[in-house]
Protein backbone atom coordinates (compact mmCIF):
# COMPACT_ATOMS: atom_id res chain seq x y z
CA MET A 1 0.08 0.03 -0.02
CA ASN A 2 1.36 3.50 -1.04
CA ILE A 3 0.47 5.78 2.02
CA LEU A 4 1.78 8.88 0.26
CA ALA A 5 -0.36 8.20 -2.74
CA ASP A 6 -3.38 7.82 -0.47
CA LYS A 7 -2.61 11.08 1.28
CA VAL A 8 -2.31 12.71 -2.11
CA GLU A 9 -5.70 11.54 -3.21
CA TYR A 10 -7.24 12.58 0.25
CA THR A 11 -5.71 16.10 -0.21
CA LEU A 12 -6.91 16.27 -3.92
CA GLY A 13 -10.34 15.26 -2.66
CA LEU A 14 -10.35 18.17 0.01
CA LEU A 15 -9.14 20.67 -2.50
CA GLN A 16 -11.99 19.65 -4.92
CA GLN A 17 -14.46 19.66 -2.06
CA ALA A 18 -13.52 23.27 -1.22
CA VAL A 19 -14.18 24.27 -4.82
CA ALA A 20 -17.44 22.33 -5.11
CA ASP A 21 -18.80 23.48 -1.69
CA TYR A 22 -17.79 27.25 -2.28
CA ALA A 23 -18.53 27.71 -5.88
CA GLY A 24 -14.95 28.34 -6.67
CA ASP A 25 -14.62 31.26 -4.28
CA VAL A 26 -11.65 29.80 -2.46
CA VAL A 27 -8.29 31.34 -1.96
CA PHE A 28 -4.95 29.53 -1.26
CA ALA A 29 -2.57 31.48 0.81
CA CYS A 30 0.84 30.67 -0.23
CA SER A 31 4.07 31.44 1.57
CA PHE A 32 6.34 29.26 -0.79
CA GLY A 33 7.50 27.03 2.04
CA ALA A 34 7.85 23.22 1.48
CA GLU A 35 4.19 22.53 2.19
CA ASP A 36 2.85 25.27 -0.04
CA VAL A 37 4.87 24.29 -3.00
CA VAL A 38 3.34 20.83 -2.79
CA LEU A 39 -0.06 22.37 -2.86
CA LEU A 40 0.90 24.62 -5.79
CA ASP A 41 1.99 21.53 -7.66
CA LEU A 42 -1.34 19.76 -7.13
CA LEU A 43 -3.33 22.84 -8.07
CA ASP A 44 -1.33 23.36 -11.08
CA LYS A 45 -1.28 19.56 -12.30
CA HIS A 46 -4.89 18.84 -11.60
CA HIS A 47 -6.22 22.23 -12.79
CA ILE A 48 -8.05 22.93 -9.60
CA PRO A 49 -9.53 26.48 -9.75
CA ILE A 50 -8.48 27.86 -6.59
CA ARG A 51 -6.98 31.42 -6.48
CA VAL A 52 -3.40 31.62 -5.18
CA ILE A 53 -2.34 34.69 -3.20
CA SER A 54 0.92 35.45 -1.50
CA LEU A 55 1.95 38.09 1.09
CA ASP A 56 4.97 40.16 0.39
CA THR A 57 5.83 41.66 3.77
CA GLY A 58 8.69 43.82 2.46
CA ARG A 59 11.03 41.75 4.66
CA LEU A 60 11.20 38.26 2.94
CA PRO A 61 14.46 36.45 2.23
CA GLN A 62 15.86 36.73 -1.44
CA GLU A 63 15.56 32.98 -1.64
CA THR A 64 11.66 33.33 -1.18
CA TYR A 65 11.49 35.71 -3.96
CA ASP A 66 13.62 33.42 -6.18
CA VAL A 67 11.24 30.38 -5.74
CA MET A 68 8.17 32.84 -6.13
CA GLN A 69 9.52 33.93 -9.48
CA ILE A 70 10.20 30.33 -10.49
CA TRP A 71 6.58 29.36 -9.92
CA ARG A 72 5.31 32.44 -11.67
CA LYS A 73 7.21 31.33 -14.81
CA LYS A 74 6.81 27.51 -14.74
CA SER A 75 3.14 27.17 -13.66
CA SER A 76 -0.25 28.11 -15.36
CA LEU A 77 -1.39 29.55 -11.95
CA ASP A 78 -1.94 33.21 -11.47
CA ILE A 79 -0.36 34.24 -8.33
CA ASP A 80 -1.66 37.45 -6.73
CA ILE A 81 0.78 39.30 -4.42
CA TYR A 82 -0.48 41.36 -1.59
CA PHE A 83 1.52 44.08 0.17
CA PRO A 84 1.10 45.87 3.40
CA ASP A 85 -0.45 49.29 3.39
CA ALA A 86 2.68 51.73 3.05
CA ARG A 87 1.13 54.31 5.27
CA GLU A 88 0.53 51.82 8.18
CA VAL A 89 4.13 50.55 7.74
CA GLU A 90 5.34 54.26 7.84
CA LYS A 91 3.32 54.93 10.87
CA MET A 92 4.67 51.77 12.61
CA ILE A 93 8.28 52.43 11.88
CA LYS A 94 8.13 56.16 12.73
CA GLN A 95 6.83 55.16 16.17
CA ASP A 96 8.71 52.11 17.03
CA GLY A 97 11.61 51.56 14.56
CA VAL A 98 12.27 49.41 11.69
CA ASN A 99 13.27 46.39 13.90
CA LEU A 100 10.48 46.87 16.53
CA PHE A 101 9.86 43.04 16.69
CA TYR A 102 13.05 42.59 18.76
CA ASP A 103 11.84 44.95 21.45
CA SER A 104 8.80 42.93 22.75
CA VAL A 105 6.26 40.15 21.88
CA GLU A 106 3.64 42.87 21.58
CA LYS A 107 5.70 44.84 19.04
CA ARG A 108 6.43 41.70 17.07
CA LYS A 109 2.76 40.95 16.81
CA LEU A 110 2.07 44.47 15.75
CA CYS A 111 4.52 44.14 13.08
CA CYS A 112 3.07 40.90 11.96
CA HIS A 113 -0.47 42.39 12.16
CA VAL A 114 0.48 45.26 9.76
CA ARG A 115 2.64 43.30 7.30
CA LYS A 116 0.54 39.92 7.29
CA ILE A 117 -2.82 40.10 8.93
CA LEU A 118 -4.16 43.19 7.27
CA PRO A 119 -3.04 42.13 3.77
CA LEU A 120 -4.42 38.75 4.15
CA LYS A 121 -7.75 40.21 5.25
CA ARG A 122 -7.79 42.21 2.05
CA ALA A 123 -6.90 39.09 0.23
CA LEU A 124 -9.67 37.01 1.62
CA SER A 125 -12.24 39.83 1.28
CA GLY A 126 -15.39 38.30 -0.41
CA ALA A 127 -13.98 34.72 -0.25
CA GLN A 128 -16.04 31.92 1.22
CA ALA A 129 -13.00 29.59 2.29
CA TRP A 130 -9.31 29.56 2.23
CA VAL A 131 -6.52 26.87 1.98
CA THR A 132 -3.46 26.62 4.07
CA GLY A 133 -0.42 24.29 4.10
CA LEU A 134 -0.53 23.59 7.73
CA ARG A 135 0.24 20.15 9.34
CA GLN A 136 -0.43 18.88 12.84
CA GLU A 137 3.16 17.71 13.20
CA GLN A 138 4.52 21.21 12.78
CA ALA A 139 3.95 22.74 16.22
CA ASP A 140 2.13 22.10 19.43
CA SER A 141 -0.19 24.99 18.63
CA ARG A 142 -1.16 23.14 15.48
CA ALA A 143 -1.67 19.74 16.98
CA ASN A 144 -5.43 20.08 17.33
CA MET A 145 -6.24 21.63 14.02
CA HIS A 146 -8.32 19.64 11.56
CA ALA A 147 -8.78 19.23 7.93
CA VAL A 148 -11.73 21.57 7.65
CA GLU A 149 -12.51 24.19 10.19
CA ASP A 150 -14.56 27.35 10.93
CA ASP A 151 -11.98 30.24 10.95
CA GLN A 152 -13.62 32.68 13.44
CA ALA A 153 -10.93 35.28 12.85
CA PHE A 154 -11.69 35.82 9.27
CA GLY A 155 -15.20 34.36 9.29
CA ILE A 156 -14.88 31.84 6.49
CA LYS A 157 -14.11 28.15 6.19
CA LYS A 158 -10.60 26.97 6.40
CA PHE A 159 -9.23 23.94 4.59
CA ASN A 160 -5.90 22.34 5.87
CA PRO A 161 -5.38 19.51 3.14
CA LEU A 162 -2.01 18.54 4.37
CA ILE A 163 -2.92 18.46 8.06
CA MET A 164 -2.02 14.77 8.36
CA TRP A 165 1.06 14.81 6.33
CA THR A 166 4.37 14.20 7.87
CA ALA A 167 7.51 16.29 7.03
CA GLN A 168 8.91 13.02 5.44
CA ASP A 169 5.70 12.85 3.17
CA VAL A 170 6.28 16.41 2.08
CA TRP A 171 9.84 15.86 1.08
CA ASP A 172 9.06 12.62 -0.60
CA TYR A 173 6.49 14.30 -2.82
CA ILE A 174 8.87 17.32 -3.64
CA LYS A 175 11.67 14.89 -4.49
CA SER A 176 9.66 12.37 -6.51
CA HIS A 177 7.82 15.18 -8.57
CA ASP A 178 10.87 17.39 -8.99
CA VAL A 179 8.93 20.29 -7.33
CA PRO A 180 10.83 23.64 -7.12
CA TYR A 181 11.28 24.62 -3.47
CA ASN A 182 12.84 27.49 -1.27
CA ALA A 183 16.64 27.10 -1.25
CA LEU A 184 16.68 27.95 2.41
CA HIS A 185 15.31 24.47 3.23
CA ASP A 186 18.69 23.01 2.20
CA GLN A 187 20.48 25.39 4.77
CA PHE A 188 18.35 23.96 7.69
CA TYR A 189 15.61 26.35 7.57
CA PRO A 190 12.46 24.07 8.09
CA SER A 191 10.19 27.14 8.67
CA ILE A 192 10.58 30.28 6.75
CA GLY A 193 9.22 33.78 7.26
CA CYS A 194 10.66 37.30 7.15
CA ALA A 195 14.35 37.32 6.93
CA PRO A 196 15.08 39.11 10.36
CA CYS A 197 12.70 36.71 12.26
CA THR A 198 14.05 33.46 10.68
CA ARG A 199 17.12 31.49 11.26
CA ALA A 200 18.49 28.00 10.65
CA ILE A 201 18.05 25.49 13.29
CA SER A 202 20.39 22.89 14.91
CA VAL A 203 19.96 19.21 14.70
CA GLY A 204 17.51 18.09 17.27
CA GLU A 205 15.83 21.65 17.68
CA ASP A 206 12.07 21.88 17.17
CA PRO A 207 11.23 22.89 13.61
CA ARG A 208 9.66 26.19 14.78
CA ALA A 209 12.79 27.08 16.77
CA GLY A 210 14.16 29.08 14.05
CA ARG A 211 11.07 31.70 14.29
CA TRP A 212 11.28 34.54 16.82
CA TRP A 213 13.96 32.67 18.59
CA TRP A 214 14.89 35.57 20.92
CA GLU A 215 11.45 35.50 22.73
CA GLN A 216 10.68 33.64 25.95
CA GLU A 217 10.06 29.94 25.54
CA ASP A 218 6.53 30.17 26.60
CA ALA A 219 5.63 32.68 23.77
CA VAL A 220 3.44 31.14 20.95
CA ALA A 221 5.56 31.04 17.81
CA GLU A 222 2.80 32.07 15.60
CA CYS A 223 2.42 35.28 13.51
CA GLY A 224 -1.31 35.54 14.17
CA LEU A 225 -2.49 34.03 10.80
CA HIS A 226 -3.28 30.71 12.48
CA ALA A 227 -3.18 31.47 16.28
CA ASN A 228 -6.84 32.56 16.56
CA PRO A 229 -9.63 30.66 18.06
CA ILE A 230 -10.69 27.87 15.83
CA LYS A 231 -13.30 25.33 16.18
CA LYS A 232 -13.76 21.96 14.30
């Protein structure tokens, strides 16, 4: 029995269910991490009509822009890029400085709010459902998430079609299908966000240890996109 093939079929079924249930009014929020390029490959190869968006925070690593450009050229997908409001960024930086996120958890969350949450709200405006590349295995904060949820923060349905995939599943798929991915993954970056807020991890460290590593251990390593109250 091919377990990965079964997971792929399950994932495709969820993606097709999202389109069928919500009349194609579905958005995939792609950050071009390993999980997200798997979903891009499935959407592209199976011609699933889900709109793809990505958030350019203005602080992304060059490697993220590189893989973004590769996908824009190689696939049939239209990828819409959303940016933070320049006035909001200017106001935030004038008040707290360009690297405010190092000062406190509250200021880090403010930066995420301005650069990620508000642009995502614009991207999801009018949509009935959105798709993510979340996996339960990624972090304790994601262990209780499900394949289909009511996202109370954005007021729409949320589909997590890779929720039961392991990291090994993701990389087996990428390698067997020759899927373009972010080069930082080969430099021990399992989780990739903004450049100043992401670092490589050491052997044995938690996969999320490279995100906001300067904060206290009990701080939730989430930017706010997925840390909101969610019910099954």
